[in-house]
Amino acid sequence: MPAARADILERILEFMQGENPINVFHIYGWIRPEPMTQWFACFGVSFRETLLGNLSWHSSFPVPPRC
């Protein structure tokens, strides 16, 4: 992964960890490299392999119900 892309990803992970400091949050995606999942774990991430990548945002930042 290019350094610039890794820097962006790390900033996102730091932000998400800061928003949920005592919770494990989940990222859903379709990567398999073990070093990447270990890197995510350093930020409190549980990586779940799936083809539904958009679920990670909604699980960490749920939308309040509208009545």
PDB file of N, CA and C in Angstrom:
ATOM      1  N   MET A   1       0.847  -1.166   0.000  1.00  0.00           N
ATOM      2  CA  MET A   1       0.000   0.000   0.000  1.00  0.00           C
ATOM      3  C   MET A   1       0.897   1.236   0.000  1.00  0.00           C
ATOM      4  N   PRO A   2       0.611   2.197  -0.866  1.00  0.00           N
ATOM      5  CA  PRO A   2       1.408   3.429  -0.890  1.00  0.00           C
ATOM      6  C   PRO A   2       1.318   4.169   0.449  1.00  0.00           C
ATOM      7  N   ALA A   3       2.403   4.829   0.817  1.00  0.00           N
ATOM      8  CA  ALA A   3       2.471   5.525   2.111  1.00  0.00           C
ATOM      9  C   ALA A   3       1.355   6.556   2.273  1.00  0.00           C
ATOM     10  N   ALA A   4       1.031   7.284   1.221  1.00  0.00           N
ATOM     11  CA  ALA A   4      -0.025   8.297   1.314  1.00  0.00           C
ATOM     12  C   ALA A   4      -1.371   7.658   1.647  1.00  0.00           C
ATOM     13  N   ARG A   5      -1.663   6.521   1.043  1.00  0.00           N
ATOM     14  CA  ARG A   5      -2.926   5.821   1.318  1.00  0.00           C
ATOM     15  C   ARG A   5      -2.933   5.274   2.749  1.00  0.00           C
ATOM     16  N   ALA A   6      -1.802   4.734   3.183  1.00  0.00           N
ATOM     17  CA  ALA A   6      -1.698   4.222   4.554  1.00  0.00           C
ATOM     18  C   ALA A   6      -1.884   5.345   5.566  1.00  0.00           C
ATOM     19  N   ASP A   7      -1.343   6.528   5.282  1.00  0.00           N
ATOM     20  CA  ASP A   7      -1.509   7.671   6.188  1.00  0.00           C
ATOM     21  C   ASP A   7      -2.981   8.065   6.320  1.00  0.00           C
ATOM     22  N   ILE A   8      -3.697   8.080   5.209  1.00  0.00           N
ATOM     23  CA  ILE A   8      -5.125   8.416   5.240  1.00  0.00           C
ATOM     24  C   ILE A   8      -5.889   7.377   6.048  1.00  0.00           C
ATOM     25  N   LEU A   9      -5.614   6.122   5.792  1.00  0.00           N
ATOM     26  CA  LEU A   9      -6.300   5.049   6.507  1.00  0.00           C
ATOM     27  C   LEU A   9      -6.004   5.123   8.007  1.00  0.00           C
ATOM     28  N   GLU A  10      -4.774   5.397   8.362  1.00  0.00           N
ATOM     29  CA  GLU A  10      -4.422   5.484   9.773  1.00  0.00           C
ATOM     30  C   GLU A  10      -5.126   6.668  10.446  1.00  0.00           C
ATOM     31  N   ARG A  11      -5.246   7.778   9.757  1.00  0.00           N
ATOM     32  CA  ARG A  11      -5.973   8.928  10.317  1.00  0.00           C
ATOM     33  C   ARG A  11      -7.444   8.590  10.546  1.00  0.00           C
ATOM     34  N   ILE A  12      -8.035   7.854   9.629  1.00  0.00           N
ATOM     35  CA  ILE A  12      -9.436   7.434   9.788  1.00  0.00           C
ATOM     36  C   ILE A  12      -9.581   6.494  10.977  1.00  0.00           C
ATOM     37  N   LEU A  13      -8.662   5.533  11.100  1.00  0.00           N
ATOM     38  CA  LEU A  13      -8.727   4.594  12.216  1.00  0.00           C
ATOM     39  C   LEU A  13      -8.531   5.304  13.553  1.00  0.00           C
ATOM     40  N   GLU A  14      -7.626   6.266  13.602  1.00  0.00           N
ATOM     41  CA  GLU A  14      -7.416   7.042  14.832  1.00  0.00           C
ATOM     42  C   GLU A  14      -8.681   7.821  15.197  1.00  0.00           C
ATOM     43  N   PHE A  15      -9.338   8.399  14.197  1.00  0.00           N
ATOM     44  CA  PHE A  15     -10.582   9.137  14.443  1.00  0.00           C
ATOM     45  C   PHE A  15     -11.657   8.208  14.989  1.00  0.00           C
ATOM     46  N   MET A  16     -11.839   7.069  14.340  1.00  0.00           N
ATOM     47  CA  MET A  16     -12.884   6.140  14.767  1.00  0.00           C
ATOM     48  C   MET A  16     -12.597   5.606  16.168  1.00  0.00           C
ATOM     49  N   GLN A  17     -11.339   5.339  16.470  1.00  0.00           N
ATOM     50  CA  GLN A  17     -10.979   4.874  17.805  1.00  0.00           C
ATOM     51  C   GLN A  17     -11.258   5.968  18.834  1.00  0.00           C
ATOM     52  N   GLY A  18     -10.973   7.216  18.482  1.00  0.00           N
ATOM     53  CA  GLY A  18     -11.234   8.327  19.385  1.00  0.00           C
ATOM     54  C   GLY A  18     -12.711   8.526  19.673  1.00  0.00           C
ATOM     55  N   GLU A  19     -13.559   8.214  18.700  1.00  0.00           N
ATOM     56  CA  GLU A  19     -15.010   8.342  18.879  1.00  0.00           C
ATOM     57  C   GLU A  19     -15.574   7.193  19.718  1.00  0.00           C
ATOM     58  N   ASN A  20     -14.889   6.074  19.743  1.00  0.00           N
ATOM     59  CA  ASN A  20     -15.338   4.875  20.465  1.00  0.00           C
ATOM     60  C   ASN A  20     -14.189   4.299  21.280  1.00  0.00           C
ATOM     61  N   PRO A  21     -13.640   5.056  22.250  1.00  0.00           N
ATOM     62  CA  PRO A  21     -12.402   4.617  22.899  1.00  0.00           C
ATOM     63  C   PRO A  21     -12.514   3.338  23.719  1.00  0.00           C
ATOM     64  N   ILE A  22     -13.688   3.002  24.237  1.00  0.00           N
ATOM     65  CA  ILE A  22     -13.797   1.795  25.065  1.00  0.00           C
ATOM     66  C   ILE A  22     -14.487   0.650  24.338  1.00  0.00           C
ATOM     67  N   ASN A  23     -14.815   0.836  23.077  1.00  0.00           N
ATOM     68  CA  ASN A  23     -15.508  -0.191  22.309  1.00  0.00           C
ATOM     69  C   ASN A  23     -14.638  -0.719  21.179  1.00  0.00           C
ATOM     70  N   VAL A  24     -14.852  -1.972  20.866  1.00  0.00           N
ATOM     71  CA  VAL A  24     -14.279  -2.539  19.651  1.00  0.00           C
ATOM     72  C   VAL A  24     -15.233  -2.170  18.535  1.00  0.00           C
ATOM     73  N   PHE A  25     -14.716  -1.628  17.440  1.00  0.00           N
ATOM     74  CA  PHE A  25     -15.610  -1.373  16.326  1.00  0.00           C
ATOM     75  C   PHE A  25     -15.242  -2.279  15.172  1.00  0.00           C
ATOM     76  N   HIS A  26     -16.188  -2.484  14.296  1.00  0.00           N
ATOM     77  CA  HIS A  26     -16.044  -3.478  13.236  1.00  0.00           C
ATOM     78  C   HIS A  26     -15.867  -2.800  11.890  1.00  0.00           C
ATOM     79  N   ILE A  27     -14.955  -3.335  11.113  1.00  0.00           N
ATOM     80  CA  ILE A  27     -14.805  -2.948   9.718  1.00  0.00           C
ATOM     81  C   ILE A  27     -15.149  -4.179   8.897  1.00  0.00           C
ATOM     82  N   TYR A  28     -16.038  -3.983   7.961  1.00  0.00           N
ATOM     83  CA  TYR A  28     -16.454  -5.061   7.081  1.00  0.00           C
ATOM     84  C   TYR A  28     -15.828  -4.820   5.717  1.00  0.00           C
ATOM     85  N   GLY A  29     -15.241  -5.826   5.143  1.00  0.00           N
ATOM     86  CA  GLY A  29     -14.607  -5.660   3.844  1.00  0.00           C
ATOM     87  C   GLY A  29     -14.232  -6.989   3.234  1.00  0.00           C
ATOM     88  N   TRP A  30     -13.356  -6.932   2.264  1.00  0.00           N
ATOM     89  CA  TRP A  30     -13.021  -8.148   1.528  1.00  0.00           C
ATOM     90  C   TRP A  30     -11.521  -8.283   1.321  1.00  0.00           C
ATOM     91  N   ILE A  31     -10.716  -7.848   2.300  1.00  0.00           N
ATOM     92  CA  ILE A  31      -9.270  -8.056   2.215  1.00  0.00           C
ATOM     93  C   ILE A  31      -8.891  -9.288   3.013  1.00  0.00           C
ATOM     94  N   ARG A  32      -7.780  -9.893   2.690  1.00  0.00           N
ATOM     95  CA  ARG A  32      -7.338 -11.076   3.410  1.00  0.00           C
ATOM     96  C   ARG A  32      -5.954 -10.950   4.028  1.00  0.00           C
ATOM     97  N   PRO A  33      -5.144  -9.986   3.675  1.00  0.00           N
ATOM     98  CA  PRO A  33      -3.768  -9.995   4.205  1.00  0.00           C
ATOM     99  C   PRO A  33      -3.749  -9.887   5.730  1.00  0.00           C
ATOM    100  N   GLU A  34      -3.125 -10.853   6.371  1.00  0.00           N
ATOM    101  CA  GLU A  34      -3.049 -10.882   7.820  1.00  0.00           C
ATOM    102  C   GLU A  34      -2.383  -9.638   8.404  1.00  0.00           C
ATOM    103  N   PRO A  35      -1.305  -9.102   7.822  1.00  0.00           N
ATOM    104  CA  PRO A  35      -0.716  -7.891   8.408  1.00  0.00           C
ATOM    105  C   PRO A  35      -1.699  -6.718   8.462  1.00  0.00           C
ATOM    106  N   MET A  36      -2.594  -6.624   7.510  1.00  0.00           N
ATOM    107  CA  MET A  36      -3.567  -5.543   7.508  1.00  0.00           C
ATOM    108  C   MET A  36      -4.543  -5.704   8.666  1.00  0.00           C
ATOM    109  N   THR A  37      -5.021  -6.916   8.921  1.00  0.00           N
ATOM    110  CA  THR A  37      -5.948  -7.121  10.025  1.00  0.00           C
ATOM    111  C   THR A  37      -5.256  -6.901  11.366  1.00  0.00           C
ATOM    112  N   GLN A  38      -3.980  -7.239  11.468  1.00  0.00           N
ATOM    113  CA  GLN A  38      -3.230  -6.967  12.702  1.00  0.00           C
ATOM    114  C   GLN A  38      -3.066  -5.463  12.899  1.00  0.00           C
ATOM    115  N   TRP A  39      -2.835  -4.730  11.838  1.00  0.00           N
ATOM    116  CA  TRP A  39      -2.707  -3.271  11.904  1.00  0.00           C
ATOM    117  C   TRP A  39      -4.020  -2.661  12.389  1.00  0.00           C
ATOM    118  N   PHE A  40      -5.141  -3.127  11.837  1.00  0.00           N
ATOM    119  CA  PHE A  40      -6.449  -2.646  12.269  1.00  0.00           C
ATOM    120  C   PHE A  40      -6.662  -2.912  13.760  1.00  0.00           C
ATOM    121  N   ALA A  41      -6.247  -4.083  14.236  1.00  0.00           N
ATOM    122  CA  ALA A  41      -6.445  -4.459  15.637  1.00  0.00           C
ATOM    123  C   ALA A  41      -5.741  -3.489  16.586  1.00  0.00           C
ATOM    124  N   CYS A  42      -4.666  -2.870  16.149  1.00  0.00           N
ATOM    125  CA  CYS A  42      -3.968  -1.882  16.985  1.00  0.00           C
ATOM    126  C   CYS A  42      -4.859  -0.686  17.303  1.00  0.00           C
ATOM    127  N   PHE A  43      -5.893  -0.465  16.513  1.00  0.00           N
ATOM    128  CA  PHE A  43      -6.812   0.655  16.709  1.00  0.00           C
ATOM    129  C   PHE A  43      -8.154   0.208  17.276  1.00  0.00           C
ATOM    130  N   GLY A  44      -8.227  -1.017  17.787  1.00  0.00           N
ATOM    131  CA  GLY A  44      -9.472  -1.507  18.369  1.00  0.00           C
ATOM    132  C   GLY A  44     -10.476  -1.976  17.349  1.00  0.00           C
ATOM    133  N   VAL A  45     -10.006  -2.409  16.198  1.00  0.00           N
ATOM    134  CA  VAL A  45     -10.891  -2.818  15.106  1.00  0.00           C
ATOM    135  C   VAL A  45     -10.993  -4.340  15.052  1.00  0.00           C
ATOM    136  N   SER A  46     -12.180  -4.822  14.842  1.00  0.00           N
ATOM    137  CA  SER A  46     -12.406  -6.221  14.534  1.00  0.00           C
ATOM    138  C   SER A  46     -12.761  -6.280  13.053  1.00  0.00           C
ATOM    139  N   PHE A  47     -11.915  -6.895  12.247  1.00  0.00           N
ATOM    140  CA  PHE A  47     -12.168  -6.965  10.812  1.00  0.00           C
ATOM    141  C   PHE A  47     -13.045  -8.161  10.495  1.00  0.00           C
ATOM    142  N   ARG A  48     -14.105  -7.923   9.765  1.00  0.00           N
ATOM    143  CA  ARG A  48     -15.044  -8.965   9.346  1.00  0.00           C
ATOM    144  C   ARG A  48     -15.054  -9.024   7.829  1.00  0.00           C
ATOM    145  N   GLU A  49     -14.735 -10.174   7.307  1.00  0.00           N
ATOM    146  CA  GLU A  49     -14.698 -10.309   5.846  1.00  0.00           C
ATOM    147  C   GLU A  49     -16.108 -10.509   5.298  1.00  0.00           C
ATOM    148  N   THR A  50     -16.497  -9.616   4.394  1.00  0.00           N
ATOM    149  CA  THR A  50     -17.812  -9.665   3.757  1.00  0.00           C
ATOM    150  C   THR A  50     -17.762  -8.806   2.503  1.00  0.00           C
ATOM    151  N   LEU A  51     -18.739  -8.896   1.685  1.00  0.00           N
ATOM    152  CA  LEU A  51     -18.830  -8.045   0.509  1.00  0.00           C
ATOM    153  C   LEU A  51     -19.667  -6.796   0.776  1.00  0.00           C
ATOM    154  N   LEU A  52     -20.056  -6.571   2.019  1.00  0.00           N
ATOM    155  CA  LEU A  52     -20.890  -5.432   2.384  1.00  0.00           C
ATOM    156  C   LEU A  52     -20.048  -4.385   3.108  1.00  0.00           C
ATOM    157  N   GLY A  53     -19.142  -3.731   2.401  1.00  0.00           N
ATOM    158  CA  GLY A  53     -18.181  -2.819   2.993  1.00  0.00           C
ATOM    159  C   GLY A  53     -18.774  -1.616   3.687  1.00  0.00           C
ATOM    160  N   ASN A  54     -19.957  -1.160   3.330  1.00  0.00           N
ATOM    161  CA  ASN A  54     -20.532   0.047   3.901  1.00  0.00           C
ATOM    162  C   ASN A  54     -21.037  -0.161   5.331  1.00  0.00           C
ATOM    163  N   LEU A  55     -21.136  -1.375   5.808  1.00  0.00           N
ATOM    164  CA  LEU A  55     -21.664  -1.635   7.137  1.00  0.00           C
ATOM    165  C   LEU A  55     -20.758  -1.104   8.240  1.00  0.00           C
ATOM    166  N   SER A  56     -19.454  -0.998   8.003  1.00  0.00           N
ATOM    167  CA  SER A  56     -18.544  -0.587   9.064  1.00  0.00           C
ATOM    168  C   SER A  56     -18.878   0.810   9.565  1.00  0.00           C
ATOM    169  N   TRP A  57     -19.206   1.737   8.695  1.00  0.00           N
ATOM    170  CA  TRP A  57     -19.526   3.100   9.120  1.00  0.00           C
ATOM    171  C   TRP A  57     -20.778   3.103   9.988  1.00  0.00           C
ATOM    172  N   HIS A  58     -21.815   2.407   9.561  1.00  0.00           N
ATOM    173  CA  HIS A  58     -23.087   2.431  10.260  1.00  0.00           C
ATOM    174  C   HIS A  58     -23.028   1.707  11.601  1.00  0.00           C
ATOM    175  N   SER A  59     -22.152   0.704  11.733  1.00  0.00           N
ATOM    176  CA  SER A  59     -22.052   0.024  13.022  1.00  0.00           C
ATOM    177  C   SER A  59     -21.335   0.877  14.053  1.00  0.00           C
ATOM    178  N   SER A  60     -20.413   1.727  13.621  1.00  0.00           N
ATOM    179  CA  SER A  60     -19.660   2.566  14.546  1.00  0.00           C
ATOM    180  C   SER A  60     -20.367   3.871  14.855  1.00  0.00           C
ATOM    181  N   PHE A  61     -21.115   4.388  13.907  1.00  0.00           N
ATOM    182  CA  PHE A  61     -21.797   5.670  14.062  1.00  0.00           C
ATOM    183  C   PHE A  61     -23.260   5.504  13.670  1.00  0.00           C
ATOM    184  N   PRO A  62     -24.062   4.860  14.526  1.00  0.00           N
ATOM    185  CA  PRO A  62     -25.455   4.638  14.167  1.00  0.00           C
ATOM    186  C   PRO A  62     -26.216   5.963  14.014  1.00  0.00           C
ATOM    187  N   VAL A  63     -27.157   5.950  13.121  1.00  0.00           N
ATOM    188  CA  VAL A  63     -27.995   7.123  12.889  1.00  0.00           C
ATOM    189  C   VAL A  63     -29.125   7.114  13.910  1.00  0.00           C
ATOM    190  N   PRO A  64     -29.371   8.254  14.585  1.00  0.00           N
ATOM    191  CA  PRO A  64     -30.479   8.278  15.539  1.00  0.00           C
ATOM    192  C   PRO A  64     -31.810   8.030  14.832  1.00  0.00           C
ATOM    193  N   PRO A  65     -32.727   7.333  15.504  1.00  0.00           N
ATOM    194  CA  PRO A  65     -34.033   7.071  14.884  1.00  0.00           C
ATOM    195  C   PRO A  65     -34.794   8.374  14.645  1.00  0.00           C
ATOM    196  N   ARG A  66     -35.516   8.402  13.551  1.00  0.00           N
ATOM    197  CA  ARG A  66     -36.356   9.563  13.229  1.00  0.00           C
ATOM    198  C   ARG A  66     -37.797   9.194  13.500  1.00  0.00           C
ATOM    199  N   CYS A  67     -38.482  10.044  14.229  1.00  0.00           N
ATOM    200  CA  CYS A  67     -39.902   9.775  14.546  1.00  0.00           C
ATOM    201  C   CYS A  67     -40.785  10.819  13.929  1.00  0.00           C
TER     202      CYS A  67
END
